[in-house]
């Protein structure tokens, strides 16, 4: 099992002002989302049979078993490009997320780059945004959105 919590691409990753000089705390949206996915994982694994017998759509057992033991979890939130002008802010965010055991925090721009790399590796082609139907780059929060309106909160895939 993999559990994923998805928030908006426009969500602030850090607070608007530093906690102390040179120390930026994560935003309440990030800390709340981390707590939410951690509780979801806990609930998913608590008071349930740890082993699940897989079945076909018709209800027949396939012989495969899945164990509900600490499933991998992800939080997709925000955009690193909002910190492109501040190494200090970027470092504080990296320190926070690298210290978490779970969930793994991914930003929308990172997720986009990972997907693009997979497509390029498997297809052997380079696909600029807009060339793949439904895929576009996410504008940075300070870019003012797209020409057709501010759609930064949409999932880019």
Protein backbone atom coordinates (compact mmCIF):
# COMPACT_ATOMS: atom_id res chain seq x y z
CA UNK A 1 0.00 0.00 0.00
CA UNK A 2 0.99 3.59 -0.63
CA UNK A 3 -0.91 6.48 0.96
CA UNK A 4 -0.76 9.94 -0.60
CA UNK A 5 -2.01 13.26 0.72
CA UNK A 6 -2.36 15.92 -1.98
CA UNK A 7 -2.54 19.61 -1.18
CA UNK A 8 -2.45 22.68 -3.44
CA UNK A 9 0.58 23.67 -5.50
CA UNK A 10 0.14 27.22 -4.22
CA UNK A 11 0.43 26.20 -0.55
CA UNK A 12 3.21 28.07 1.25
CA UNK A 13 5.93 25.68 2.39
CA UNK A 14 7.33 28.05 5.00
CA UNK A 15 5.92 30.77 7.20
CA UNK A 16 5.94 34.32 5.85
CA UNK A 17 8.57 35.51 8.33
CA UNK A 18 11.47 33.76 10.07
CA UNK A 19 10.97 32.12 13.45
CA UNK A 20 14.40 33.40 14.48
CA UNK A 21 17.11 35.07 12.49
CA UNK A 22 18.00 32.66 9.69
CA UNK A 23 15.52 30.02 10.88
CA UNK A 24 12.36 29.51 8.85
CA UNK A 25 9.63 27.24 10.21
CA UNK A 26 7.35 25.22 7.95
CA UNK A 27 3.91 26.67 7.37
CA UNK A 28 0.95 25.46 9.40
CA UNK A 29 -0.43 23.91 6.20
CA UNK A 30 2.68 21.72 5.88
CA UNK A 31 2.76 20.69 9.54
CA UNK A 32 -1.00 20.04 9.53
CA UNK A 33 -0.71 17.90 6.38
CA UNK A 34 2.18 15.90 7.87
CA UNK A 35 0.08 15.21 10.98
CA UNK A 36 -2.88 14.27 8.82
CA UNK A 37 -1.01 11.70 6.71
CA UNK A 38 0.76 10.29 9.77
CA UNK A 39 -2.62 9.77 11.47
CA UNK A 40 -4.04 8.23 8.29
CA UNK A 41 -1.16 5.73 8.20
CA UNK A 42 -1.68 4.95 11.90
CA UNK A 43 -5.42 4.40 11.41
CA UNK A 44 -4.78 2.28 8.33
CA UNK A 45 -2.47 -0.08 10.19
CA UNK A 46 -4.19 -0.10 13.61
CA UNK A 47 -6.80 -2.60 14.68
CA UNK A 48 -6.79 -4.35 11.33
CA UNK A 49 -5.51 -7.69 10.19
CA UNK A 50 -1.96 -7.01 9.03
CA UNK A 51 -2.26 -9.55 6.20
CA UNK A 52 -4.76 -9.12 3.37
CA UNK A 53 -5.64 -11.89 0.91
CA UNK A 54 -5.91 -10.42 -2.60
CA UNK A 55 -9.02 -11.32 -4.60
CA UNK A 56 -10.18 -10.98 -8.18
CA UNK A 57 -13.13 -8.79 -9.13
CA UNK A 58 -15.26 -11.93 -8.84
CA UNK A 59 -14.15 -12.50 -5.24
CA UNK A 60 -11.78 -15.42 -5.84
CA UNK A 61 -8.47 -15.48 -3.98
CA UNK A 62 -5.44 -14.86 -6.19
CA UNK A 63 -2.95 -16.44 -3.79
CA UNK A 64 -1.23 -13.08 -3.34
CA UNK A 65 -0.96 -11.48 0.08
CA UNK A 66 -0.28 -7.89 1.05
CA UNK A 67 0.88 -6.81 4.48
CA UNK A 68 -0.33 -3.56 6.06
CA UNK A 69 2.88 -2.84 7.92
CA UNK A 70 3.91 0.82 7.84
CA UNK A 71 2.88 1.64 4.26
CA UNK A 72 4.91 4.22 2.36
CA UNK A 73 3.32 7.65 2.49
CA UNK A 74 3.78 10.82 0.49
CA UNK A 75 2.71 14.43 0.86
CA UNK A 76 2.50 16.40 -2.38
CA UNK A 77 2.40 20.10 -1.57
CA UNK A 78 3.68 23.50 -2.65
CA UNK A 79 6.40 24.51 -5.04
CA UNK A 80 10.16 24.87 -4.41
CA UNK A 81 10.39 27.68 -6.96
CA UNK A 82 8.83 29.97 -4.38
CA UNK A 83 12.18 29.76 -2.54
CA UNK A 84 14.45 30.14 -5.55
CA UNK A 85 15.92 33.42 -4.30
CA UNK A 86 16.67 32.26 -0.76
CA UNK A 87 19.21 29.57 0.04
CA UNK A 88 18.40 30.05 3.72
CA UNK A 89 14.69 29.28 3.26
CA UNK A 90 15.45 26.34 0.97
CA UNK A 91 17.93 24.91 3.50
CA UNK A 92 15.43 25.16 6.35
CA UNK A 93 12.78 23.35 4.30
CA UNK A 94 15.24 20.64 3.25
CA UNK A 95 16.33 20.13 6.86
CA UNK A 96 12.72 19.72 7.95
CA UNK A 97 11.69 17.22 5.32
CA UNK A 98 14.90 15.18 5.44
CA UNK A 99 14.40 14.70 9.19
CA UNK A 100 10.97 13.07 8.69
CA UNK A 101 10.73 9.30 8.61
CA UNK A 102 7.29 9.57 7.08
CA UNK A 103 5.79 11.01 4.92
CA UNK A 104 8.15 11.79 2.08
CA UNK A 105 7.38 15.35 1.04
CA UNK A 106 7.37 16.13 -2.67
CA UNK A 107 6.61 19.48 -4.23
CA UNK A 108 4.68 19.83 -7.47
CA UNK A 109 7.71 21.05 -9.41
CA UNK A 110 9.75 18.06 -8.17
CA UNK A 111 6.94 15.67 -9.09
CA UNK A 112 6.73 17.24 -12.55
CA UNK A 113 10.50 16.84 -13.07
CA UNK A 114 10.37 13.20 -11.95
CA UNK A 115 7.52 12.43 -14.33
CA UNK A 116 9.26 14.26 -17.17
CA UNK A 117 12.45 12.27 -16.55
CA UNK A 118 10.53 9.00 -16.63
CA UNK A 119 8.78 9.92 -19.87
CA UNK A 120 12.07 11.01 -21.46
CA UNK A 121 13.88 7.88 -20.25
CA UNK A 122 11.20 5.46 -21.41
CA UNK A 123 10.37 7.28 -24.62
CA UNK A 124 13.83 8.52 -25.49
CA UNK A 125 12.36 11.91 -26.41
CA UNK A 126 12.31 15.34 -24.88
CA UNK A 127 8.85 16.71 -24.31
CA UNK A 128 8.57 20.41 -23.56
CA UNK A 129 5.53 21.40 -21.45
CA UNK A 130 2.40 21.57 -23.53
CA UNK A 131 3.63 18.97 -26.03
CA UNK A 132 2.14 16.13 -23.96
CA UNK A 133 -1.62 16.51 -23.78
CA UNK A 134 -2.67 17.71 -20.33
CA UNK A 135 0.87 18.33 -19.02
CA UNK A 136 2.10 21.81 -18.28
CA UNK A 137 4.66 23.48 -16.07
CA UNK A 138 3.48 24.93 -12.79
CA UNK A 139 4.15 28.66 -12.55
CA UNK A 140 5.93 29.84 -9.43
CA UNK A 141 3.59 31.42 -6.88
CA UNK A 142 4.99 34.88 -7.59
CA UNK A 143 4.68 34.60 -11.38
CA UNK A 144 1.11 35.80 -11.45
CA UNK A 145 -0.38 32.61 -12.90
CA UNK A 146 -1.07 31.78 -16.49
CA UNK A 147 -2.45 33.97 -19.25
CA UNK A 148 -5.83 32.24 -18.97
CA UNK A 149 -6.17 33.00 -15.26
CA UNK A 150 -4.57 31.84 -12.07
CA UNK A 151 -4.68 28.04 -12.23
CA UNK A 152 -1.72 27.24 -9.99
CA UNK A 153 -3.87 25.08 -7.73
CA UNK A 154 -4.64 22.53 -10.43
CA UNK A 155 -2.72 19.28 -10.62
CA UNK A 156 -0.40 19.67 -13.61
CA UNK A 157 -0.96 16.21 -15.09
